[in-house]
Amino acid sequence: MAERQQRALPKIRILQIEDSQLDAELVLSELDADAIEYDVHLVDEERAYVDALDTFRPHIVLSDLSMPGFSGERALDLLRERDQDLPFIFVSATLGEEAAIEALRNGATDYILKQNPARLASAVRRALREAEAQRARRRAETELIRAQRFESLAMLAGGLSHDLRNLLQPLLLAGDSLQDYQNDPRLARLGRLVRDCGKRGLDMVQSMLSFARGARRAEQVRVGALLDALNLLLQGSVPRGVTLGLAADDPELTFDGNHTELQQCLLNLSLNAIQAMPSGGRLEIRTSVTTLPTSFFKPEEEPREGNYLCLTVADTGTGMDDEAMQHMFEPFYTTKESGTGLGLISCRRIITAHGGVMRVESKPGQGTRFHLYIPLVEMLQEAEVEEEADLQGEAERVLVVVEEAGQLSLLVDTLDSWGYQAHASQSGTAALQWIEAQGVPDLVVMDADMNLFTGVRTLAALFEHGYRRAVILLARPDAPPDMDELPVMEHLFQVDKPISTLKLLRTVREALDASASAPEGPAAL
């Protein structure tokens, strides 16, 4: 085995700083004896050393301590100004214990005494391995920081786009209304300008939304590689009092996902766990495969039974009380002095984007366990693919009437992305005005819990004005709207809150199919 390990080390480039040819050969003979293949470049003064760093590009530097006009300390300082990871080993006959300790503090990788060079070959091998691991860690950290920055931009773009959409929507209505005044060319031109600006603004908003949603890069993620990358990132972050354990039931298990995002999620949870153990404890990250029944899922989650990968991050720290558990996924809620509270929101977004769900167990003084469940499905079943195709819209016009701006934007965005022409209105009065200006839509989706002009009153007004097409009412199952005073509406559908995307899309398709032959109502609309 030792022979195979020696052959596994590729040929290396050694920059040697030595003013004695005999000593240089004695040092290299130790590497020859250990079957290390190398190219060597010998220098003994500063200018040649600096030039060699640029032209020879060594994998490791072996340096004597002192030479006429040059020193190993100076060589080390010059190297660390350029490269923090390149191994630098002192090989000297005069290096005392205090000087050796000082050299290590200043960035030297190791030191070898010329009188006892037997350890040189193993020191070179170890230094090269550690340098490669350090470079890999820096690459992983850089990739993680880049992903976090993009996620922050995506969150910002998503928030801005929803607000801008609500602001721009009236411009389209106003522009169309102004164009009706064809007898006044100035008003007609102003209407076209307002409408065109509004449309351009909405196009920009749609681009922002596309960026915010992102196209999740599909790749094969291997469980073992995911834990190895996490272990690498946690090096240097785990204090001495905390014991780290990583275990995978099947390290070779692969699944569709995004390696970088999942790595970021696990790192966020791990760092939170470490901070929750100021007096020390144990941090465990483990993976397993489990089968989830439909009863496992919460009402607001889409129940999909089947096999799931469970990623668990568990600590023995301070734990969370009931209040912290209730608010932990709220923006800017945090129990840390300098925290932002966005870490857990980011984790939930990542797991949701993978089609998964999160569960948390925690008690004060007993630690916390986060369980991340990711579905192990290679592709949608044929029936599901056909169903998704059936749910696609064909540019039908859908008027969405919701008072709360955030929910209104989400519903409009969802319907837009599935091929419908969705239009937004924040009140029943505005909805009636929109219909008078734009004509009868194919479908109205309405919130039953509006305050100023309730969903029931809006329904009554729509019916009074002759609207006979389909209506979908979004209502709370624990507080259903009072429909007794309403006339009988043939195409009235109800969707319980909280609303799932598939449930909404299925009901939209059902409502449109049911009312396809319904009349538009009086021309006054």
Protein backbone atom coordinates (compact mmCIF):
# COMPACT_ATOMS: atom_id res chain seq x y z
CA MET A 1 0.00 0.00 0.00
CA ALA A 2 2.83 2.42 0.79
CA GLU A 3 4.22 1.88 -2.72
CA ARG A 4 0.83 2.67 -4.29
CA GLN A 5 0.56 5.86 -2.23
CA GLN A 6 4.00 6.96 -3.35
CA ARG A 7 3.15 6.42 -7.00
CA ALA A 8 -0.15 8.28 -6.55
CA LEU A 9 1.71 11.53 -5.86
CA PRO A 10 2.18 13.31 -9.22
CA LYS A 11 5.45 14.90 -10.21
CA ILE A 12 5.99 18.06 -8.20
CA ARG A 13 7.97 21.27 -8.73
CA ILE A 14 10.29 22.17 -5.86
CA LEU A 15 11.80 25.64 -5.44
CA GLN A 16 14.87 25.13 -3.26
CA ILE A 17 16.63 28.02 -1.50
CA GLU A 18 20.14 26.86 -0.62
CA ASP A 19 23.64 28.29 -1.07
CA SER A 20 25.40 24.91 -0.65
CA GLN A 21 25.18 22.51 -3.58
CA LEU A 22 26.16 19.58 -1.34
CA ASP A 23 23.44 20.36 1.22
CA ALA A 24 20.90 20.76 -1.57
CA GLU A 25 21.72 17.30 -2.93
CA LEU A 26 21.56 15.72 0.53
CA VAL A 27 18.10 17.17 1.06
CA LEU A 28 16.84 15.94 -2.31
CA SER A 29 18.28 12.48 -1.71
CA GLU A 30 15.66 12.00 1.02
CA LEU A 31 12.91 12.57 -1.55
CA ASP A 32 14.63 10.19 -3.99
CA ALA A 33 14.69 7.52 -1.31
CA ASP A 34 10.93 7.91 -0.84
CA ALA A 35 10.26 7.68 -4.61
CA ILE A 36 8.91 11.23 -4.87
CA GLU A 37 9.21 12.48 -8.45
CA TYR A 38 10.13 16.13 -8.80
CA ASP A 39 11.66 18.93 -10.82
CA VAL A 40 13.82 21.28 -8.79
CA HIS A 41 14.90 24.89 -9.29
CA LEU A 42 17.77 26.04 -7.02
CA VAL A 43 18.21 29.71 -6.03
CA ASP A 44 20.28 31.52 -3.39
CA GLU A 45 19.33 35.18 -3.73
CA GLU A 46 16.15 37.28 -3.61
CA ARG A 47 15.79 38.39 -7.23
CA ALA A 48 16.16 34.86 -8.59
CA TYR A 49 13.70 33.61 -5.94
CA VAL A 50 11.00 36.16 -6.87
CA ASP A 51 11.46 35.43 -10.58
CA ALA A 52 11.17 31.69 -9.94
CA LEU A 53 7.88 32.12 -8.07
CA ASP A 54 6.40 33.63 -11.25
CA THR A 55 8.11 31.50 -13.92
CA PHE A 56 8.75 28.13 -12.27
CA ARG A 57 5.44 28.17 -10.31
CA PRO A 58 6.51 25.72 -7.61
CA HIS A 59 4.25 23.35 -5.68
CA ILE A 60 6.43 23.68 -2.57
CA VAL A 61 9.39 25.73 -1.27
CA LEU A 62 12.28 24.16 0.71
CA SER A 63 14.46 26.83 2.27
CA ASP A 64 17.60 27.13 4.32
CA LEU A 65 17.40 29.63 7.16
CA SER A 66 20.31 31.96 6.41
CA MET A 67 22.48 32.70 3.38
CA PRO A 68 24.79 35.57 2.46
CA GLY A 69 22.54 38.51 1.50
CA PHE A 70 19.29 36.54 1.80
CA SER A 71 17.34 34.70 4.51
CA GLY A 72 14.61 32.11 4.83
CA GLU A 73 12.48 34.54 6.89
CA ARG A 74 12.58 37.05 4.02
CA ALA A 75 11.69 34.31 1.51
CA LEU A 76 8.72 33.30 3.68
CA ASP A 77 7.45 36.89 3.93
CA LEU A 78 7.68 37.34 0.15
CA LEU A 79 5.79 34.11 -0.45
CA ARG A 80 2.97 34.88 1.99
CA GLU A 81 2.43 38.26 0.34
CA ARG A 82 1.62 36.36 -2.85
CA ASP A 83 0.15 33.03 -1.75
CA GLN A 84 -1.32 31.98 1.59
CA ASP A 85 -1.53 28.28 0.77
CA LEU A 86 1.75 27.30 -0.95
CA PRO A 87 3.73 25.02 1.43
CA PHE A 88 7.00 26.43 2.80
CA ILE A 89 9.34 24.12 4.77
CA PHE A 90 12.49 25.27 6.51
CA VAL A 91 15.41 22.83 6.14
CA SER A 92 18.23 24.17 8.33
CA ALA A 93 21.00 23.15 10.66
CA THR A 94 20.73 26.26 12.84
CA LEU A 95 16.99 26.50 13.55
CA GLY A 96 16.46 26.48 17.30
CA GLU A 97 13.21 25.66 19.06
CA GLU A 98 12.18 29.29 19.62
CA ALA A 99 13.02 30.23 16.04
CA ALA A 100 11.08 27.23 14.76
CA ILE A 101 7.96 28.22 16.73
CA GLU A 102 8.24 31.79 15.47
CA ALA A 103 8.59 30.54 11.89
CA LEU A 104 5.39 28.47 12.19
CA ARG A 105 3.57 31.50 13.58
CA ASN A 106 4.71 33.54 10.59
CA GLY A 107 3.27 31.06 8.10
CA ALA A 108 5.85 28.28 7.65
CA THR A 109 4.34 24.86 7.06
CA ASP A 110 7.02 22.82 8.85
CA TYR A 111 10.72 22.72 9.71
CA ILE A 112 13.30 19.96 9.28
CA LEU A 113 16.78 19.80 10.81
CA LYS A 114 19.55 18.91 8.36
CA GLN A 115 21.06 16.68 11.02
CA ASN A 116 17.88 14.56 11.01
CA PRO A 117 16.30 14.75 7.53
CA ALA A 118 14.46 11.41 7.69
CA ARG A 119 11.12 13.18 8.26
CA LEU A 120 11.44 15.36 5.16
CA ALA A 121 9.62 13.12 2.67
CA SER A 122 6.59 12.58 4.92
CA ALA A 123 6.52 16.31 5.74
CA VAL A 124 6.47 17.15 2.01
CA ARG A 125 3.63 14.71 1.34
CA ARG A 126 1.57 16.01 4.25
CA ALA A 127 2.20 19.65 3.33
CA LEU A 128 1.04 19.08 -0.25
CA ARG A 129 -2.11 17.28 0.92
CA GLU A 130 -2.98 20.03 3.39
CA ALA A 131 -2.35 22.76 0.82
CA GLU A 132 -4.67 21.09 -1.68
CA ALA A 133 -7.34 20.70 1.02
CA GLN A 134 -6.97 24.37 1.94
CA ARG A 135 -7.31 25.46 -1.68
CA ALA A 136 -10.38 23.27 -2.09
CA ARG A 137 -11.88 24.83 1.01
CA ARG A 138 -11.24 28.34 -0.32
CA ARG A 139 -12.86 27.42 -3.64
CA ALA A 140 -15.89 26.03 -1.81
CA GLU A 141 -16.15 29.15 0.36
CA THR A 142 -15.92 31.39 -2.71
CA GLU A 143 -18.68 29.41 -4.45
CA LEU A 144 -20.81 29.55 -1.31
CA ILE A 145 -20.38 33.32 -0.93
CA ARG A 146 -21.29 33.78 -4.60
CA ALA A 147 -24.42 31.67 -4.17
CA GLN A 148 -25.44 33.62 -1.05
CA ARG A 149 -25.00 36.93 -2.86
CA PHE A 150 -27.15 35.74 -5.75
CA GLU A 151 -29.80 34.54 -3.31
CA SER A 152 -29.83 37.94 -1.58
CA LEU A 153 -30.25 39.62 -4.97
CA ALA A 154 -33.03 37.19 -5.84
CA MET A 155 -34.88 37.93 -2.59
CA LEU A 156 -34.53 41.68 -3.24
CA ALA A 157 -35.68 41.31 -6.84
CA GLY A 158 -38.66 39.23 -5.80
CA GLY A 159 -39.79 41.75 -3.18
CA LEU A 160 -39.34 44.75 -5.47
CA SER A 161 -41.09 43.10 -8.39
CA HIS A 162 -44.24 42.39 -6.39
CA ASP A 163 -44.49 46.00 -5.21
CA LEU A 164 -43.71 47.43 -8.65
CA ARG A 165 -46.30 45.26 -10.28
CA ASN A 166 -49.01 46.65 -8.02
CA LEU A 167 -47.87 50.19 -8.80
CA LEU A 168 -47.70 49.64 -12.55
CA GLN A 169 -51.01 47.84 -12.96
CA PRO A 170 -53.09 51.07 -12.71
CA LEU A 171 -50.98 52.64 -15.47
CA LEU A 172 -52.26 50.07 -17.93
CA LEU A 173 -55.84 50.70 -16.91
CA ALA A 174 -55.39 54.48 -17.05
CA GLY A 175 -53.65 54.28 -20.43
CA ASP A 176 -56.44 52.22 -21.95
CA SER A 177 -59.04 54.59 -20.50
CA LEU A 178 -57.30 57.67 -21.91
CA GLN A 179 -57.17 56.09 -25.36
CA ASP A 180 -60.96 56.06 -25.42
CA TYR A 181 -60.85 59.85 -25.88
CA GLN A 182 -60.03 59.66 -29.58
CA ASN A 183 -61.64 63.04 -30.19
CA ASP A 184 -58.83 64.64 -28.19
CA PRO A 185 -55.51 63.70 -29.87
CA ARG A 186 -53.50 64.91 -26.90
CA LEU A 187 -55.31 62.64 -24.46
CA ALA A 188 -55.08 59.71 -26.89
CA ARG A 189 -51.32 60.21 -27.26
CA LEU A 190 -50.98 60.50 -23.49
CA GLY A 191 -52.95 57.28 -23.10
CA ARG A 192 -50.67 55.43 -25.51
CA LEU A 193 -47.61 56.79 -23.68
CA VAL A 194 -48.92 55.77 -20.26
CA ARG A 195 -49.94 52.33 -21.50
CA ASP A 196 -46.62 51.70 -23.28
CA CYS A 197 -44.62 52.81 -20.23
CA GLY A 198 -46.73 50.56 -18.04
CA LYS A 199 -46.20 47.59 -20.34
CA ARG A 200 -42.45 48.21 -20.49
CA GLY A 201 -42.37 48.41 -16.72
CA LEU A 202 -44.28 45.14 -16.38
CA ASP A 203 -41.88 43.46 -18.81
CA MET A 204 -38.99 44.57 -16.58
CA VAL A 205 -40.85 43.29 -13.53
CA GLN A 206 -41.35 39.94 -15.25
CA SER A 207 -37.62 39.75 -15.92
CA MET A 208 -36.95 40.46 -12.25
CA LEU A 209 -39.40 37.75 -11.23
CA SER A 210 -37.74 35.26 -13.56
CA PHE A 211 -34.41 36.07 -11.93
CA ALA A 212 -35.91 35.83 -8.45
CA ARG A 213 -37.47 32.44 -9.14
CA GLY A 214 -34.32 31.22 -10.85
CA ALA A 215 -33.95 28.08 -12.90
CA ARG A 216 -32.70 25.51 -10.43
CA ARG A 217 -29.71 23.84 -11.99
CA ALA A 218 -30.49 20.15 -12.19
CA GLU A 219 -27.53 17.96 -11.37
CA GLN A 220 -26.82 14.64 -9.76
CA VAL A 221 -25.91 15.23 -6.11
CA ARG A 222 -24.04 12.42 -4.32
CA VAL A 223 -24.71 12.22 -0.59
CA GLY A 224 -21.09 11.37 0.26
CA ALA A 225 -19.75 14.30 -1.76
CA LEU A 226 -22.23 16.65 -0.09
CA LEU A 227 -21.07 15.66 3.40
CA ASP A 228 -17.40 15.78 2.37
CA ALA A 229 -17.85 19.35 1.11
CA LEU A 230 -19.63 20.33 4.33
CA ASN A 231 -16.85 18.79 6.43
CA LEU A 232 -14.31 20.81 4.45
CA LEU A 233 -16.24 24.07 4.96
CA LEU A 234 -16.62 23.46 8.69
CA GLN A 235 -12.88 22.99 9.23
CA GLY A 236 -11.71 25.83 11.43
CA SER A 237 -15.28 26.76 12.44
CA VAL A 238 -15.84 23.94 14.95
CA PRO A 239 -14.45 24.93 18.38
CA ARG A 240 -12.54 22.46 20.48
CA GLY A 241 -15.42 21.91 22.84
CA VAL A 242 -17.74 20.78 20.05
CA THR A 243 -17.54 17.25 18.66
CA LEU A 244 -18.51 16.91 14.99
CA GLY A 245 -20.00 13.72 13.61
CA LEU A 246 -21.00 13.07 10.00
CA ALA A 247 -22.65 9.84 8.91
CA ALA A 248 -24.45 8.67 5.77
CA ASP A 249 -26.46 5.46 5.48
CA ASP A 250 -25.57 5.30 1.78
CA PRO A 251 -22.77 7.70 0.73
CA GLU A 252 -23.15 6.64 -2.92
CA LEU A 253 -26.83 7.59 -3.09
CA THR A 254 -27.46 10.22 -5.77
CA PHE A 255 -30.50 12.41 -6.39
CA ASP A 256 -31.55 15.38 -8.52
CA GLY A 257 -30.73 18.66 -6.82
CA ASN A 258 -28.40 21.60 -6.50
CA HIS A 259 -25.17 20.74 -4.67
CA THR A 260 -24.20 24.34 -3.86
CA GLU A 261 -27.61 25.34 -2.48
CA LEU A 262 -27.89 22.24 -0.29
CA GLN A 263 -24.32 22.76 0.91
CA GLN A 264 -25.25 26.34 1.84
CA CYS A 265 -28.36 25.15 3.68
CA LEU A 266 -26.48 22.54 5.74
CA LEU A 267 -23.71 25.04 6.51
CA ASN A 268 -26.20 27.65 7.75
CA LEU A 269 -27.84 25.12 10.06
CA SER A 270 -24.46 23.80 11.28
CA LEU A 271 -23.13 27.27 12.12
CA ASN A 272 -26.36 28.07 13.95
CA ALA A 273 -25.94 24.83 15.92
CA ILE A 274 -22.34 25.68 16.84
CA GLN A 275 -23.41 29.10 18.11
CA ALA A 276 -26.10 27.41 20.21
CA MET A 277 -23.38 25.42 22.04
CA PRO A 278 -21.17 28.10 23.69
CA SER A 279 -20.10 25.65 26.38
CA GLY A 280 -19.46 22.80 23.95
CA GLY A 281 -21.49 19.80 22.89
CA ARG A 282 -22.02 17.55 19.90
CA LEU A 283 -23.03 18.44 16.34
CA GLU A 284 -24.27 15.57 14.19
CA ILE A 285 -25.09 15.67 10.49
CA ARG A 286 -26.49 12.40 9.20
CA THR A 287 -28.49 11.15 6.23
CA SER A 288 -31.00 8.36 5.83
CA VAL A 289 -33.76 7.25 3.48
CA THR A 290 -37.32 7.12 4.73
CA THR A 291 -40.83 6.70 3.35
CA LEU A 292 -43.33 9.47 4.10
CA PRO A 293 -47.11 8.88 4.03
CA THR A 294 -49.57 11.59 3.00
CA SER A 295 -50.54 12.02 6.67
CA PHE A 296 -47.03 13.36 7.38
CA PHE A 297 -47.64 16.61 5.49
CA LYS A 298 -49.17 19.80 6.85
CA PRO A 299 -52.32 21.36 5.31
CA GLU A 300 -50.34 24.05 3.48
CA GLU A 301 -47.91 21.48 2.00
CA GLU A 302 -48.51 19.36 -1.06
CA PRO A 303 -48.85 15.76 0.15
CA ARG A 304 -46.71 13.45 -1.93
CA GLU A 305 -46.02 10.09 -0.40
CA GLY A 306 -42.91 8.16 -1.35
CA ASN A 307 -39.23 7.79 -0.59
CA TYR A 308 -37.34 10.79 0.77
CA LEU A 309 -33.75 11.56 1.65
CA CYS A 310 -33.67 12.86 5.22
CA LEU A 311 -30.80 15.25 6.05
CA THR A 312 -30.62 15.78 9.81
CA VAL A 313 -28.62 18.50 11.61
CA ALA A 314 -28.75 17.90 15.37
CA ASP A 315 -27.06 19.68 18.27
CA THR A 316 -27.02 19.41 22.05
CA GLY A 317 -27.17 23.16 22.57
CA THR A 318 -29.50 25.59 24.30
CA GLY A 319 -32.56 24.68 22.23
CA MET A 320 -35.55 26.92 21.45
CA ASP A 321 -38.69 27.73 23.39
CA ASP A 322 -42.20 27.76 21.91
CA GLU A 323 -42.04 31.45 20.98
CA ALA A 324 -38.79 31.04 19.05
CA MET A 325 -40.20 27.98 17.29
CA GLN A 326 -43.27 29.96 16.18
CA HIS A 327 -41.28 32.90 14.78
CA MET A 328 -38.07 31.28 13.50
CA PHE A 329 -39.10 31.49 9.83
CA GLU A 330 -40.08 35.16 10.00
CA PRO A 331 -37.77 37.68 8.27
CA PHE A 332 -35.44 39.49 10.68
CA TYR A 333 -36.54 37.47 13.69
CA THR A 334 -33.40 36.30 15.46
CA THR A 335 -32.15 35.42 18.93
CA LYS A 336 -28.60 36.54 18.05
CA GLU A 337 -27.36 40.06 18.73
CA SER A 338 -26.03 40.59 15.20
CA GLY A 339 -28.25 38.15 13.31
CA THR A 340 -30.62 38.94 10.44
CA GLY A 341 -32.96 35.97 10.74
CA LEU A 342 -32.67 35.26 6.99
CA GLY A 343 -30.64 32.05 7.32
CA LEU A 344 -33.58 29.78 8.17
CA ILE A 345 -35.78 31.45 5.54
CA SER A 346 -33.06 30.75 2.99
CA CYS A 347 -32.89 27.09 4.09
CA ARG A 348 -36.63 26.64 3.80
CA ARG A 349 -36.62 28.25 0.34
CA ILE A 350 -33.88 25.87 -0.81
CA ILE A 351 -35.66 22.76 0.49
CA THR A 352 -38.99 23.92 -0.95
CA ALA A 353 -37.31 24.51 -4.32
CA HIS A 354 -36.21 20.85 -4.21
CA GLY A 355 -39.82 19.79 -3.66
CA GLY A 356 -39.10 18.95 -0.03
CA VAL A 357 -40.24 19.93 3.46
CA MET A 358 -38.58 20.83 6.78
CA ARG A 359 -39.33 19.72 10.31
CA VAL A 360 -37.83 21.06 13.55
CA GLU A 361 -37.64 19.50 17.01
CA SER A 362 -36.32 21.59 19.88
CA LYS A 363 -36.63 22.06 23.62
CA PRO A 364 -34.80 24.50 25.90
CA GLY A 365 -31.72 22.85 27.31
CA GLN A 366 -32.11 19.73 25.16
CA GLY A 367 -30.84 20.88 21.78
CA THR A 368 -32.37 21.19 18.34
CA ARG A 369 -32.83 18.83 15.39
CA PHE A 370 -33.58 20.01 11.86
CA HIS A 371 -34.85 17.33 9.47
CA LEU A 372 -34.76 18.18 5.76
CA TYR A 373 -36.79 15.83 3.54
CA ILE A 374 -35.99 15.78 -0.19
CA PRO A 375 -38.04 13.54 -2.52
CA LEU A 376 -36.11 10.76 -4.26
CA VAL A 377 -37.86 10.82 -7.62
CA GLU A 378 -35.93 10.72 -10.88
CA MET A 379 -38.80 12.04 -12.97
CA LEU A 380 -42.53 12.65 -12.85
CA GLN A 381 -44.72 9.67 -13.52
CA GLU A 382 -46.42 9.68 -16.91
CA ALA A 383 -49.83 10.48 -15.39
CA GLU A 384 -48.39 13.48 -13.53
CA VAL A 385 -46.76 14.78 -16.71
CA GLU A 386 -50.06 14.53 -18.54
CA GLU A 387 -51.85 16.28 -15.66
CA GLU A 388 -49.38 19.17 -15.68
CA ALA A 389 -49.87 19.54 -19.43
CA ASP A 390 -53.65 19.66 -18.89
CA LEU A 391 -53.25 22.44 -16.31
CA GLN A 392 -51.52 24.81 -18.75
CA GLY A 393 -53.61 27.80 -19.76
CA GLU A 394 -54.33 28.99 -23.28
CA ALA A 395 -54.14 32.74 -22.64
CA GLU A 396 -57.57 32.85 -20.98
CA ARG A 397 -58.21 36.14 -19.21
CA VAL A 398 -58.41 35.74 -15.42
CA LEU A 399 -59.24 38.67 -13.11
CA VAL A 400 -57.74 38.20 -9.64
CA VAL A 401 -59.42 40.25 -6.89
CA VAL A 402 -57.42 40.19 -3.66
CA GLU A 403 -56.96 43.03 -1.18
CA GLU A 404 -53.56 41.98 0.23
CA ALA A 405 -50.85 43.09 -2.21
CA GLY A 406 -48.38 40.27 -1.60
CA GLN A 407 -50.92 37.49 -2.09
CA LEU A 408 -52.37 39.28 -5.12
CA SER A 409 -48.96 39.43 -6.82
CA LEU A 410 -48.20 35.78 -6.06
CA LEU A 411 -51.50 34.60 -7.52
CA VAL A 412 -51.09 36.74 -10.62
CA ASP A 413 -47.49 35.57 -11.10
CA THR A 414 -48.51 31.92 -10.70
CA LEU A 415 -51.31 32.15 -13.25
CA ASP A 416 -49.07 34.10 -15.65
CA SER A 417 -46.38 31.44 -15.44
CA TRP A 418 -48.94 28.73 -16.32
CA GLY A 419 -50.10 30.43 -19.50
CA TYR A 420 -53.05 32.56 -18.34
CA GLN A 421 -53.51 36.29 -18.88
CA ALA A 422 -53.88 37.28 -15.24
CA HIS A 423 -54.98 40.79 -14.28
CA ALA A 424 -54.84 42.25 -10.77
CA SER A 425 -57.42 44.18 -8.80
CA GLN A 426 -57.24 45.08 -5.09
CA SER A 427 -60.95 45.71 -4.46
CA GLY A 428 -64.39 44.79 -5.68
CA THR A 429 -64.99 48.35 -6.90
CA ALA A 430 -61.77 48.27 -8.94
CA ALA A 431 -62.79 44.88 -10.33
CA LEU A 432 -66.09 46.25 -11.62
CA GLN A 433 -64.29 49.23 -13.15
CA TRP A 434 -61.79 46.89 -14.81
CA ILE A 435 -64.57 44.81 -16.35
CA GLU A 436 -66.33 47.94 -17.61
CA ALA A 437 -63.08 49.12 -19.22
CA GLN A 438 -61.61 45.83 -20.43
CA GLY A 439 -64.60 43.58 -21.03
CA VAL A 440 -65.76 40.36 -19.40
CA PRO A 441 -62.94 38.05 -18.30
CA ASP A 442 -63.10 34.29 -18.73
CA LEU A 443 -62.81 33.77 -14.96
CA VAL A 444 -62.77 35.74 -11.71
CA VAL A 445 -60.64 34.53 -8.79
CA MET A 446 -61.66 36.37 -5.62
CA ASP A 447 -60.63 36.50 -1.95
CA ALA A 448 -63.62 36.07 0.38
CA ASP A 449 -61.89 37.93 3.24
CA MET A 450 -61.60 41.44 1.81
CA ASN A 451 -62.46 44.23 4.25
CA LEU A 452 -63.65 47.29 2.33
CA PHE A 453 -65.82 45.54 -0.23
CA THR A 454 -66.17 41.90 0.82
CA GLY A 455 -66.00 38.96 -1.52
CA VAL A 456 -69.70 38.22 -1.05
CA ARG A 457 -70.68 41.83 -1.81
CA THR A 458 -68.43 41.80 -4.86
CA LEU A 459 -70.03 38.56 -6.05
CA ALA A 460 -73.48 40.12 -5.64
CA ALA A 461 -72.41 43.21 -7.56
CA LEU A 462 -70.94 41.09 -10.36
CA PHE A 463 -74.17 39.09 -10.61
CA GLU A 464 -76.26 42.28 -10.56
CA HIS A 465 -74.21 43.61 -13.48
CA GLY A 466 -74.88 40.43 -15.43
CA TYR A 467 -71.64 38.46 -14.93
CA ARG A 468 -72.49 34.77 -15.46
CA ARG A 469 -69.12 33.18 -16.01
CA ALA A 470 -67.11 31.21 -13.47
CA VAL A 471 -65.97 32.52 -10.10
CA ILE A 472 -63.45 30.92 -7.74
CA LEU A 473 -63.82 32.06 -4.13
CA LEU A 474 -60.75 31.76 -1.87
CA ALA A 475 -62.04 31.16 1.65
CA ARG A 476 -60.91 29.96 5.06
CA PRO A 477 -62.48 26.58 5.92
CA ASP A 478 -62.96 27.69 9.56
CA ALA A 479 -64.76 30.87 8.51
CA PRO A 480 -66.76 30.19 5.33
CA PRO A 481 -68.49 33.19 3.73
CA ASP A 482 -72.23 33.69 4.27
CA MET A 483 -73.73 32.85 0.88
CA ASP A 484 -77.41 32.88 1.94
CA GLU A 485 -78.17 36.31 0.48
CA LEU A 486 -76.51 35.53 -2.85
CA PRO A 487 -78.50 34.37 -5.86
CA VAL A 488 -77.74 30.90 -7.11
CA MET A 489 -74.56 31.05 -9.18
CA GLU A 490 -74.13 28.11 -11.53
CA HIS A 491 -70.36 28.27 -11.83
CA LEU A 492 -69.17 29.13 -8.32
CA PHE A 493 -66.17 27.21 -7.00
CA GLN A 494 -64.49 27.46 -3.61
CA VAL A 495 -60.81 26.82 -2.75
CA ASP A 496 -59.82 26.57 0.90
CA LYS A 497 -56.93 28.58 2.29
CA PRO A 498 -54.01 28.16 2.50
CA ILE A 499 -53.93 27.73 -1.26
CA SER A 500 -51.67 25.19 -2.94
CA THR A 501 -50.58 25.82 -6.52
CA LEU A 502 -51.88 22.50 -7.87
CA LYS A 503 -55.24 22.86 -6.14
CA LEU A 504 -55.67 26.36 -7.56
CA LEU A 505 -54.65 25.32 -11.08
CA ARG A 506 -56.94 22.30 -11.07
CA THR A 507 -59.88 24.44 -9.93
CA VAL A 508 -59.11 27.11 -12.54
CA ARG A 509 -59.12 24.47 -15.26
CA GLU A 510 -62.34 22.94 -13.93
CA ALA A 511 -64.06 26.33 -13.69
CA LEU A 512 -63.04 27.40 -17.19
CA ASP A 513 -64.20 24.09 -18.70
CA ALA A 514 -67.54 24.29 -16.84
CA SER A 515 -68.32 27.85 -17.95
CA ALA A 516 -66.96 27.66 -21.49
CA SER A 517 -70.44 28.04 -22.96
CA ALA A 518 -71.74 30.59 -20.43
CA PRO A 519 -72.95 33.94 -21.82
CA GLU A 520 -70.95 37.11 -21.25
CA GLY A 521 -73.85 39.05 -19.76
CA PRO A 522 -75.28 42.44 -20.70
CA ALA A 523 -73.28 44.71 -22.92
CA ALA A 524 -73.10 47.23 -20.09
CA LEU A 525 -70.32 45.20 -18.61
